C-alpha atoms as a PDB file:
ATOM      1  CA  MET A   1      -4.228 -23.926  21.269  1.00  0.00           C
ATOM      2  CA  TRP A   2      -5.502 -27.230  22.667  1.00  0.00           C
ATOM      3  CA  LYS A   3      -2.229 -28.997  21.916  1.00  0.00           C
ATOM      4  CA  ILE A   4      -0.208 -26.256  23.572  1.00  0.00           C
ATOM      5  CA  LEU A   5      -2.289 -26.331  26.753  1.00  0.00           C
ATOM      6  CA  GLN A   6      -2.271 -30.155  26.888  1.00  0.00           C
ATOM      7  CA  GLY A   7       1.497 -30.396  26.366  1.00  0.00           C
ATOM      8  CA  ALA A   8       0.884 -32.234  23.102  1.00  0.00           C
ATOM      9  CA  LEU A   9       2.665 -29.863  20.712  1.00  0.00           C
ATOM     10  CA  PRO A  10       5.904 -31.494  19.437  1.00  0.00           C
ATOM     11  CA  ILE A  11       8.304 -28.941  20.892  1.00  0.00           C
ATOM     12  CA  GLY A  12      11.642 -29.736  22.511  1.00  0.00           C
ATOM     13  CA  GLU A  13      10.466 -30.182  26.092  1.00  0.00           C
ATOM     14  CA  ASN A  14       7.536 -32.449  25.167  1.00  0.00           C
ATOM     15  CA  LEU A  15       9.556 -34.573  22.747  1.00  0.00           C
ATOM     16  CA  ARG A  16      12.295 -35.133  25.320  1.00  0.00           C
ATOM     17  CA  LYS A  17       9.740 -36.221  27.937  1.00  0.00           C
ATOM     18  CA  ARG A  18       8.661 -38.911  25.481  1.00  0.00           C
ATOM     19  CA  GLY A  19      12.248 -39.999  24.813  1.00  0.00           C
ATOM     20  CA  MET A  20      12.084 -38.811  21.189  1.00  0.00           C
ATOM     21  CA  LEU A  21      14.644 -36.010  21.331  1.00  0.00           C
ATOM     22  CA  LEU A  22      17.893 -35.525  23.218  1.00  0.00           C
ATOM     23  CA  ASN A  23      18.411 -31.871  22.349  1.00  0.00           C
ATOM     24  CA  ASN A  24      15.460 -29.883  23.659  1.00  0.00           C
ATOM     25  CA  VAL A  25      16.782 -26.346  23.264  1.00  0.00           C
ATOM     26  CA  CYS A  26      15.287 -23.515  21.242  1.00  0.00           C
ATOM     27  CA  CYS A  27      16.521 -23.399  17.665  1.00  0.00           C
ATOM     28  CA  ARG A  28      17.273 -19.685  18.021  1.00  0.00           C
ATOM     29  CA  CYS A  29      18.604 -18.967  21.486  1.00  0.00           C
ATOM     30  CA  GLU A  30      19.649 -22.288  23.064  1.00  0.00           C
ATOM     31  CA  GLU A  31      17.143 -21.958  25.927  1.00  0.00           C
ATOM     32  CA  ILE A  32      15.006 -24.987  26.792  1.00  0.00           C
ATOM     33  CA  GLU A  33      12.160 -25.039  24.277  1.00  0.00           C
ATOM     34  CA  THR A  34       8.999 -24.910  26.362  1.00  0.00           C
ATOM     35  CA  ALA A  35       5.655 -23.506  25.228  1.00  0.00           C
ATOM     36  CA  ASP A  36       6.170 -20.500  27.492  1.00  0.00           C
ATOM     37  CA  HIS A  37       9.575 -19.836  25.980  1.00  0.00           C
ATOM     38  CA  LEU A  38       8.634 -20.445  22.342  1.00  0.00           C
ATOM     39  CA  PHE A  39       5.495 -18.293  22.262  1.00  0.00           C
ATOM     40  CA  LEU A  40       6.257 -15.666  24.921  1.00  0.00           C
ATOM     41  CA  HIS A  41       9.835 -15.367  26.113  1.00  0.00           C
ATOM     42  CA  CYS A  42      12.064 -16.101  23.108  1.00  0.00           C
ATOM     43  CA  GLN A  43      13.431 -12.898  21.600  1.00  0.00           C
ATOM     44  CA  PHE A  44      11.917 -13.808  18.229  1.00  0.00           C
ATOM     45  CA  ALA A  45       8.470 -14.174  19.834  1.00  0.00           C
ATOM     46  CA  LYS A  46       8.908 -10.844  21.606  1.00  0.00           C
ATOM     47  CA  ASP A  47       9.770  -9.208  18.277  1.00  0.00           C
ATOM     48  CA  VAL A  48       6.715 -10.759  16.583  1.00  0.00           C
ATOM     49  CA  TRP A  49       4.419  -9.441  19.303  1.00  0.00           C
ATOM     50  CA  ALA A  50       6.171  -6.056  19.237  1.00  0.00           C
ATOM     51  CA  SER A  51       5.473  -5.753  15.494  1.00  0.00           C
ATOM     52  CA  SER A  52       1.753  -6.425  15.980  1.00  0.00           C
ATOM     53  CA  LEU A  53      -0.812  -3.650  15.700  1.00  0.00           C
ATOM     54  CA  LEU A  54      -3.184  -4.626  18.467  1.00  0.00           C
ATOM     55  CA  GLN A  55      -5.697  -2.616  20.437  1.00  0.00           C
ATOM     56  CA  GLN A  56      -3.644  -3.538  23.466  1.00  0.00           C
ATOM     57  CA  ASN A  57       0.138  -3.407  23.351  1.00  0.00           C
ATOM     58  CA  PRO A  58       0.973  -6.660  25.134  1.00  0.00           C
ATOM     59  CA  ASN A  59       4.338  -7.217  26.775  1.00  0.00           C
ATOM     60  CA  VAL A  60       4.041 -10.963  26.412  1.00  0.00           C
ATOM     61  CA  HIS A  61       7.339 -11.660  28.148  1.00  0.00           C
ATOM     62  CA  GLU A  62       5.760 -10.430  31.400  1.00  0.00           C
ATOM     63  CA  PHE A  63       3.324 -13.361  31.474  1.00  0.00           C
ATOM     64  CA  LEU A  64       4.592 -16.269  33.558  1.00  0.00           C
ATOM     65  CA  SER A  65       2.787 -18.932  31.536  1.00  0.00           C
ATOM     66  CA  PHE A  66       1.166 -19.477  28.177  1.00  0.00           C
ATOM     67  CA  LYS A  67      -2.200 -20.109  29.825  1.00  0.00           C
ATOM     68  CA  GLU A  68      -2.012 -16.757  31.593  1.00  0.00           C
ATOM     69  CA  ALA A  69      -1.266 -14.999  28.321  1.00  0.00           C
ATOM     70  CA  LEU A  70      -4.090 -16.820  26.537  1.00  0.00           C
ATOM     71  CA  ILE A  71      -6.611 -15.746  29.176  1.00  0.00           C
ATOM     72  CA  SER A  72      -5.375 -12.154  29.384  1.00  0.00           C
ATOM     73  CA  LEU A  73      -5.158 -11.597  25.639  1.00  0.00           C
ATOM     74  CA  HIS A  74      -8.332 -13.448  24.671  1.00  0.00           C
ATOM     75  CA  GLY A  75     -10.370 -11.305  22.312  1.00  0.00           C
ATOM     76  CA  VAL A  76      -7.543  -8.946  21.368  1.00  0.00           C
ATOM     77  CA  VAL A  77      -8.085  -7.670  17.835  1.00  0.00           C
ATOM     78  CA  SER A  78      -6.048  -5.520  15.490  1.00  0.00           C
ATOM     79  CA  LEU A  79      -6.154  -1.814  15.063  1.00  0.00           C
ATOM     80  CA  PRO A  80      -7.313  -0.464  11.699  1.00  0.00           C
ATOM     81  CA  PRO A  81      -6.512  -0.840   8.875  1.00  0.00           C
ATOM     82  CA  LEU A  82      -5.698  -4.548   9.162  1.00  0.00           C
ATOM     83  CA  GLY A  83      -9.379  -5.342   8.777  1.00  0.00           C
ATOM     84  CA  VAL A  84      -9.461  -8.302  11.166  1.00  0.00           C
ATOM     85  CA  SER A  85     -12.139  -8.282  13.851  1.00  0.00           C
ATOM     86  CA  ILE A  86     -11.551 -11.768  15.282  1.00  0.00           C
ATOM     87  CA  ASP A  87      -9.305 -12.878  18.140  1.00  0.00           C
ATOM     88  CA  LEU A  88      -5.723 -12.573  16.881  1.00  0.00           C
ATOM     89  CA  PHE A  89      -3.903 -14.370  19.699  1.00  0.00           C
ATOM     90  CA  PRO A  90      -4.116 -17.890  18.195  1.00  0.00           C
ATOM     91  CA  TRP A  91      -3.190 -16.620  14.739  1.00  0.00           C
ATOM     92  CA  ILE A  92      -0.056 -14.894  15.976  1.00  0.00           C
ATOM     93  CA  CYS A  93       0.891 -18.060  17.871  1.00  0.00           C
ATOM     94  CA  TRP A  94       0.323 -20.005  14.642  1.00  0.00           C
ATOM     95  CA  GLY A  95       2.705 -17.629  12.846  1.00  0.00           C
ATOM     96  CA  ILE A  96       5.372 -18.151  15.530  1.00  0.00           C
ATOM     97  CA  TRP A  97       4.935 -21.929  15.221  1.00  0.00           C
ATOM     98  CA  LEU A  98       5.318 -21.784  11.430  1.00  0.00           C
ATOM     99  CA  ALA A  99       8.435 -19.627  11.815  1.00  0.00           C
ATOM    100  CA  ARG A 100       9.931 -22.135  14.256  1.00  0.00           C
ATOM    101  CA  ASN A 101       9.308 -25.022  11.845  1.00  0.00           C
ATOM    102  CA  LYS A 102      10.903 -23.086   8.985  1.00  0.00           C
ATOM    103  CA  VAL A 103      14.106 -22.886  10.989  1.00  0.00           C
ATOM    104  CA  VAL A 104      14.022 -26.473  12.302  1.00  0.00           C
ATOM    105  CA  PHE A 105      13.086 -28.292   9.090  1.00  0.00           C
ATOM    106  CA  GLU A 106      14.235 -25.944   6.326  1.00  0.00           C
ATOM    107  CA  ASN A 107      16.960 -23.901   8.036  1.00  0.00           C
ATOM    108  CA  ARG A 108      15.187 -20.765   6.825  1.00  0.00           C
ATOM    109  CA  ALA A 109      14.947 -17.727   9.051  1.00  0.00           C
ATOM    110  CA  SER A 110      12.653 -14.794   8.267  1.00  0.00           C
ATOM    111  CA  SER A 111      11.849 -11.504   9.944  1.00  0.00           C
ATOM    112  CA  PRO A 112       9.281 -11.286  12.772  1.00  0.00           C
ATOM    113  CA  SER A 113       7.253  -8.733  10.795  1.00  0.00           C
ATOM    114  CA  GLU A 114       6.976 -11.175   7.876  1.00  0.00           C
ATOM    115  CA  PHE A 115       5.432 -13.862  10.051  1.00  0.00           C
ATOM    116  CA  PHE A 116       3.132 -11.366  11.748  1.00  0.00           C
ATOM    117  CA  SER A 117       1.899 -10.325   8.295  1.00  0.00           C
ATOM    118  CA  GLN A 118       1.401 -13.984   7.427  1.00  0.00           C
ATOM    119  CA  SER A 119      -0.631 -14.475  10.611  1.00  0.00           C
ATOM    120  CA  ILE A 120      -2.840 -11.529   9.659  1.00  0.00           C
ATOM    121  CA  ARG A 121      -3.419 -12.982   6.187  1.00  0.00           C
ATOM    122  CA  TYR A 122      -4.477 -16.338   7.653  1.00  0.00           C
ATOM    123  CA  ALA A 123      -6.774 -14.638  10.147  1.00  0.00           C
ATOM    124  CA  ARG A 124      -8.321 -12.533   7.385  1.00  0.00           C
ATOM    125  CA  GLU A 125      -8.887 -15.593   5.178  1.00  0.00           C
ATOM    126  CA  TRP A 126     -10.547 -17.431   8.081  1.00  0.00           C
ATOM    127  CA  GLN A 127     -12.729 -14.440   8.935  1.00  0.00           C
ATOM    128  CA  ASN A 128     -13.868 -13.960   5.339  1.00  0.00           C
ATOM    129  CA  ALA A 129     -14.655 -17.677   5.017  1.00  0.00           C
ATOM    130  CA  GLN A 130     -17.147 -17.680   7.888  1.00  0.00           C
ATOM    131  CA  PRO A 131     -20.871 -17.874   6.946  1.00  0.00           C
ATOM    132  CA  HIS A 132     -21.804 -14.673   8.795  1.00  0.00           C
ATOM    133  CA  GLN A 133     -19.365 -12.566   6.806  1.00  0.00           C
ATOM    134  CA  ASP A 134     -20.622 -10.374   3.984  1.00  0.00           C
ATOM    135  CA  HIS A 135     -18.393 -11.382   1.113  1.00  0.00           C
ATOM    136  CA  HIS A 136     -19.587  -8.501  -1.045  1.00  0.00           C
ATOM    137  CA  HIS A 137     -17.983  -6.081   1.394  1.00  0.00           C
ATOM    138  CA  PRO A 138     -14.793  -7.729   2.659  1.00  0.00           C
ATOM    139  CA  SER A 139     -13.571  -6.334   5.960  1.00  0.00           C
ATOM    140  CA  THR A 140     -10.104  -5.420   4.784  1.00  0.00           C
ATOM    141  CA  ASN A 141      -8.352  -2.159   4.197  1.00  0.00           C
ATOM    142  CA  LEU A 142      -8.202  -2.982   0.483  1.00  0.00           C
ATOM    143  CA  ARG A 143     -11.456  -1.359  -0.524  1.00  0.00           C
ATOM    144  CA  ASP A 144     -12.877   1.689  -2.186  1.00  0.00           C
ATOM    145  CA  HIS A 145     -13.057   4.771   0.012  1.00  0.00           C
ATOM    146  CA  THR A 146     -14.056   8.038  -1.590  1.00  0.00           C
ATOM    147  CA  ARG A 147     -13.461  10.140   1.521  1.00  0.00           C
ATOM    148  CA  VAL A 148      -9.927  10.693   2.765  1.00  0.00           C
ATOM    149  CA  GLY A 149      -8.560  12.556   5.735  1.00  0.00           C
ATOM    150  CA  HIS A 150      -6.791  15.907   5.586  1.00  0.00           C
ATOM    151  CA  ASP A 151      -3.486  14.135   6.353  1.00  0.00           C
ATOM    152  CA  THR A 152      -3.886  11.395   3.734  1.00  0.00           C
ATOM    153  CA  ILE A 153      -1.543  11.411   0.741  1.00  0.00           C
ATOM    154  CA  LEU A 154      -3.211  10.752  -2.615  1.00  0.00           C
ATOM    155  CA  CYS A 155      -1.177   8.414  -4.766  1.00  0.00           C
ATOM    156  CA  TYR A 156      -2.052   8.113  -8.465  1.00  0.00           C
ATOM    157  CA  SER A 157      -0.505   5.177 -10.349  1.00  0.00           C
ATOM    158  CA  ASP A 158      -0.615   3.915 -13.920  1.00  0.00           C
ATOM    159  CA  ALA A 159       1.270   1.652 -16.318  1.00  0.00           C
ATOM    160  CA  ALA A 160       2.132   1.607 -20.016  1.00  0.00           C
ATOM    161  CA  TRP A 161       2.593  -1.673 -21.873  1.00  0.00           C
ATOM    162  CA  LYS A 162       2.610  -2.704 -25.514  1.00  0.00           C
ATOM    163  CA  HIS A 163       1.369  -6.055 -26.737  1.00  0.00           C
ATOM    164  CA  GLY A 164       4.272  -8.349 -27.554  1.00  0.00           C
ATOM    165  CA  SER A 165       6.746  -6.239 -25.608  1.00  0.00           C
ATOM    166  CA  PRO A 166       8.404  -7.593 -22.418  1.00  0.00           C
ATOM    167  CA  THR A 167       8.755  -4.092 -20.976  1.00  0.00           C
ATOM    168  CA  ALA A 168       6.316  -1.955 -19.022  1.00  0.00           C
ATOM    169  CA  GLY A 169       6.547   1.606 -17.791  1.00  0.00           C
ATOM    170  CA  CYS A 170       5.240   2.482 -14.331  1.00  0.00           C
ATOM    171  CA  GLY A 171       4.362   5.955 -13.128  1.00  0.00           C
ATOM    172  CA  TRP A 172       3.093   7.423  -9.864  1.00  0.00           C
ATOM    173  CA  SER A 173       2.337  10.818  -8.440  1.00  0.00           C
ATOM    174  CA  PHE A 174       1.956  11.790  -4.780  1.00  0.00           C
ATOM    175  CA  GLN A 175      -0.411  14.661  -4.127  1.00  0.00           C
ATOM    176  CA  SER A 176      -1.910  16.418  -1.135  1.00  0.00           C
ATOM    177  CA  PRO A 177      -5.685  16.199  -0.521  1.00  0.00           C
ATOM    178  CA  GLN A 178      -5.846  19.713  -1.964  1.00  0.00           C
ATOM    179  CA  GLY A 179      -4.305  18.507  -5.232  1.00  0.00           C
ATOM    180  CA  HIS A 180      -0.782  19.903  -4.814  1.00  0.00           C
ATOM    181  CA  ILE A 181       1.866  17.674  -6.405  1.00  0.00           C
ATOM    182  CA  LEU A 182       4.393  16.495  -3.813  1.00  0.00           C
ATOM    183  CA  LEU A 183       6.511  14.093  -5.843  1.00  0.00           C
ATOM    184  CA  ASN A 184       6.416  12.189  -9.124  1.00  0.00           C
ATOM    185  CA  GLY A 185       8.220   8.954  -9.952  1.00  0.00           C
ATOM    186  CA  SER A 186       8.571   6.335 -12.644  1.00  0.00           C
ATOM    187  CA  CYS A 187      10.484   3.202 -13.590  1.00  0.00           C
ATOM    188  CA  THR A 188      10.433   0.376 -16.115  1.00  0.00           C
ATOM    189  CA  HIS A 189      10.063  -3.376 -15.530  1.00  0.00           C
ATOM    190  CA  LEU A 190      11.199  -6.185 -17.811  1.00  0.00           C
ATOM    191  CA  HIS A 191       9.498  -9.539 -18.455  1.00  0.00           C
ATOM    192  CA  VAL A 192       5.970  -8.168 -18.044  1.00  0.00           C
ATOM    193  CA  LYS A 193       3.395 -10.424 -19.668  1.00  0.00           C
ATOM    194  CA  SER A 194       0.164  -8.443 -19.587  1.00  0.00           C
ATOM    195  CA  PRO A 195      -1.293  -4.971 -18.971  1.00  0.00           C
ATOM    196  CA  LEU A 196      -2.836  -6.236 -15.701  1.00  0.00           C
ATOM    197  CA  GLN A 197       0.586  -7.325 -14.476  1.00  0.00           C
ATOM    198  CA  ALA A 198       1.990  -3.934 -15.458  1.00  0.00           C
ATOM    199  CA  GLU A 199      -0.733  -2.134 -13.502  1.00  0.00           C
ATOM    200  CA  ALA A 200      -0.064  -4.300 -10.449  1.00  0.00           C
ATOM    201  CA  LEU A 201       3.656  -3.536 -10.618  1.00  0.00           C
ATOM    202  CA  ALA A 202       2.894   0.183 -10.823  1.00  0.00           C
ATOM    203  CA  VAL A 203       0.782   0.006  -7.653  1.00  0.00           C
ATOM    204  CA  ARG A 204       3.479  -1.950  -5.834  1.00  0.00           C
ATOM    205  CA  GLU A 205       6.134   0.580  -6.858  1.00  0.00           C
ATOM    206  CA  ALA A 206       3.937   3.441  -5.677  1.00  0.00           C
ATOM    207  CA  ILE A 207       3.374   1.818  -2.274  1.00  0.00           C
ATOM    208  CA  LEU A 208       7.073   1.020  -1.872  1.00  0.00           C
ATOM    209  CA  ASN A 209       7.967   4.636  -2.595  1.00  0.00           C
ATOM    210  CA  ALA A 210       5.248   5.921  -0.275  1.00  0.00           C
ATOM    211  CA  LYS A 211       6.690   3.805   2.515  1.00  0.00           C
ATOM    212  CA  SER A 212      10.248   4.956   1.849  1.00  0.00           C
ATOM    213  CA  LEU A 213       9.066   8.572   2.017  1.00  0.00           C
ATOM    214  CA  GLY A 214       7.596   7.983   5.454  1.00  0.00           C
ATOM    215  CA  TYR A 215       3.931   8.496   4.543  1.00  0.00           C
ATOM    216  CA  SER A 216       1.619   6.905   7.104  1.00  0.00           C
ATOM    217  CA  LYS A 217      -1.747   7.388   5.412  1.00  0.00           C
ATOM    218  CA  ILE A 218      -2.221   6.912   1.688  1.00  0.00           C
ATOM    219  CA  CYS A 219      -5.112   6.601  -0.721  1.00  0.00           C
ATOM    220  CA  LEU A 220      -3.959   4.877  -3.886  1.00  0.00           C
ATOM    221  CA  LYS A 221      -5.898   5.685  -7.049  1.00  0.00           C
ATOM    222  CA  SER A 222      -5.849   3.536 -10.181  1.00  0.00           C
ATOM    223  CA  ASP A 223      -7.879   3.545 -13.389  1.00  0.00           C
ATOM    224  CA  CYS A 224      -7.663  -0.263 -13.685  1.00  0.00           C
ATOM    225  CA  GLN A 225     -10.889  -1.782 -12.351  1.00  0.00           C
ATOM    226  CA  GLY A 226      -9.578  -5.298 -12.945  1.00  0.00           C
ATOM    227  CA  LEU A 227      -6.630  -4.672 -10.651  1.00  0.00           C
ATOM    228  CA  LEU A 228      -8.784  -3.215  -7.876  1.00  0.00           C
ATOM    229  CA  ALA A 229     -11.062  -6.241  -8.110  1.00  0.00           C
ATOM    230  CA  ALA A 230      -8.025  -8.527  -7.848  1.00  0.00           C
ATOM    231  CA  ILE A 231      -6.748  -6.653  -4.778  1.00  0.00           C
ATOM    232  CA  ASN A 232     -10.087  -7.186  -3.047  1.00  0.00           C
ATOM    233  CA  SER A 233     -10.370 -10.806  -4.157  1.00  0.00           C
ATOM    234  CA  LYS A 234      -9.379 -13.765  -1.994  1.00  0.00           C
ATOM    235  CA  PHE A 235      -8.196 -15.526  -5.160  1.00  0.00           C
ATOM    236  CA  PRO A 236      -6.403 -13.044  -7.454  1.00  0.00           C
ATOM    237  CA  PRO A 237      -5.344 -14.158 -10.956  1.00  0.00           C
ATOM    238  CA  ALA A 238      -2.288 -16.404 -11.016  1.00  0.00           C
ATOM    239  CA  GLU A 239      -0.291 -13.982 -13.173  1.00  0.00           C
ATOM    240  CA  ILE A 240      -0.342 -11.314 -10.448  1.00  0.00           C
ATOM    241  CA  PHE A 241      -0.830 -13.472  -7.353  1.00  0.00           C
ATOM    242  CA  GLY A 242       2.635 -12.751  -5.946  1.00  0.00           C
ATOM    243  CA  ILE A 243       2.409  -9.034  -6.652  1.00  0.00           C
ATOM    244  CA  ILE A 244      -1.006  -8.790  -4.987  1.00  0.00           C
ATOM    245  CA  ARG A 245       0.368 -10.549  -1.914  1.00  0.00           C
ATOM    246  CA  ASP A 246       3.231  -8.030  -1.866  1.00  0.00           C
ATOM    247  CA  ILE A 247       0.734  -5.172  -2.060  1.00  0.00           C
ATOM    248  CA  GLU A 248      -1.306  -6.687   0.758  1.00  0.00           C
ATOM    249  CA  SER A 249       1.750  -7.134   2.980  1.00  0.00           C
ATOM    250  CA  LEU A 250       2.932  -3.589   2.320  1.00  0.00           C
ATOM    251  CA  SER A 251      -0.496  -2.074   2.919  1.00  0.00           C
ATOM    252  CA  ILE A 252      -0.626  -3.203   6.539  1.00  0.00           C
ATOM    253  CA  LEU A 253       2.540  -1.219   7.267  1.00  0.00           C
ATOM    254  CA  PHE A 254       0.562   2.023   6.946  1.00  0.00           C
ATOM    255  CA  THR A 255      -1.734   3.571   9.510  1.00  0.00           C
ATOM    256  CA  ALA A 256      -4.319   3.809   6.727  1.00  0.00           C
ATOM    257  CA  CYS A 257      -4.192   2.518   3.178  1.00  0.00           C
ATOM    258  CA  SER A 258      -7.112   2.478   0.762  1.00  0.00           C
ATOM    259  CA  PHE A 259      -7.530   1.728  -2.946  1.00  0.00           C
ATOM    260  CA  VAL A 260      -9.886   3.776  -5.112  1.00  0.00           C
ATOM    261  CA  PHE A 261     -10.894   3.689  -8.764  1.00  0.00           C
ATOM    262  CA  VAL A 262     -10.282   6.904 -10.697  1.00  0.00           C
ATOM    263  CA  SER A 263     -11.160   7.783 -14.293  1.00  0.00           C
ATOM    264  CA  ARG A 264      -8.463   7.823 -16.979  1.00  0.00           C
ATOM    265  CA  SER A 265      -8.876  11.555 -17.436  1.00  0.00           C
ATOM    266  CA  ALA A 266      -8.205  12.156 -13.746  1.00  0.00           C
ATOM    267  CA  ASN A 267      -5.152   9.893 -13.917  1.00  0.00           C
ATOM    268  CA  SER A 268      -3.460  11.597 -16.846  1.00  0.00           C
ATOM    269  CA  LEU A 269      -0.304  12.617 -14.956  1.00  0.00           C
ATOM    270  CA  ALA A 270       0.542   9.075 -13.837  1.00  0.00           C
ATOM    271  CA  ASP A 271      -0.287   7.876 -17.350  1.00  0.00           C
ATOM    272  CA  SER A 272       2.164  10.319 -18.945  1.00  0.00           C
ATOM    273  CA  LEU A 273       4.870   9.364 -16.437  1.00  0.00           C
ATOM    274  CA  ALA A 274       4.397   5.676 -17.257  1.00  0.00           C
ATOM    275  CA  LYS A 275       4.515   6.289 -21.016  1.00  0.00           C
ATOM    276  CA  SER A 276       7.601   8.444 -20.643  1.00  0.00           C
ATOM    277  CA  ALA A 277       9.335   5.736 -18.592  1.00  0.00           C
ATOM    278  CA  LEU A 278       8.494   3.140 -21.240  1.00  0.00           C
ATOM    279  CA  SER A 279       9.825   5.412 -23.975  1.00  0.00           C
ATOM    280  CA  ASN A 280      13.046   6.210 -22.113  1.00  0.00           C
ATOM    281  CA  GLY A 281      13.588   2.589 -21.139  1.00  0.00           C
ATOM    282  CA  PHE A 282      14.885   3.056 -17.569  1.00  0.00           C
ATOM    283  CA  VAL A 283      14.720  -0.415 -16.028  1.00  0.00           C
ATOM    284  CA  ARG A 284      13.940  -1.257 -12.411  1.00  0.00           C
ATOM    285  CA  ASN A 285      15.399  -4.691 -11.599  1.00  0.00           C
END
């Protein structure tokens, strides 16, 4: 933030003033790359801000300067269930800056929603690292809630995996809060190295299907305590690190998303679906 306000950030306009760059246009839209343009007025920046879930819905392109936006949006935090209670403005700007550098130095373009999700992850990590935070109860949406709303879909997931086998079966069942079965699903994954990895894949599949079905509020139930601990951990095991990050990114796309431990006996339907998928050998690439 200090570099932006002091004109010290190495963007096109500042580099050209110092005689270090002849081409000072935006890497996306050919407009002159100023701080105001990069963080507020570029279409990519507008799309990043539009994908944010903030308590205010800022039309950043209406601000005439970056300083004006910084003052007006100071203290803006996210709506639940992102679980971030700190000022998000600098973190979203950081995500836009990272996205710009990806294009300039690596020629890699990604979606605005991806970089907004990345900004949220960085903000959450910073928040949880502060001394005043209670690390035993992380302020994220990835926690155990036993009470769900009347409009929340219950999603039971489970996995089946045999030692020495590269294949795992995944099963999930969507149910109403009253216990009525709405939809069941299953698939099989190859190259699975452990039961924990299989359980993580089952949860990811369940969330992906919940999103495709248009559910906005879900409560995912699993009988794998190790997986739930990994979801809540800042440092999940290496073998499922990528899958946990996928689950985290997907979870913020819902209005509400919680993760709850359930006993094996209460998860028997998802278990049978997973075992059946493993037996039938249908593979999800």
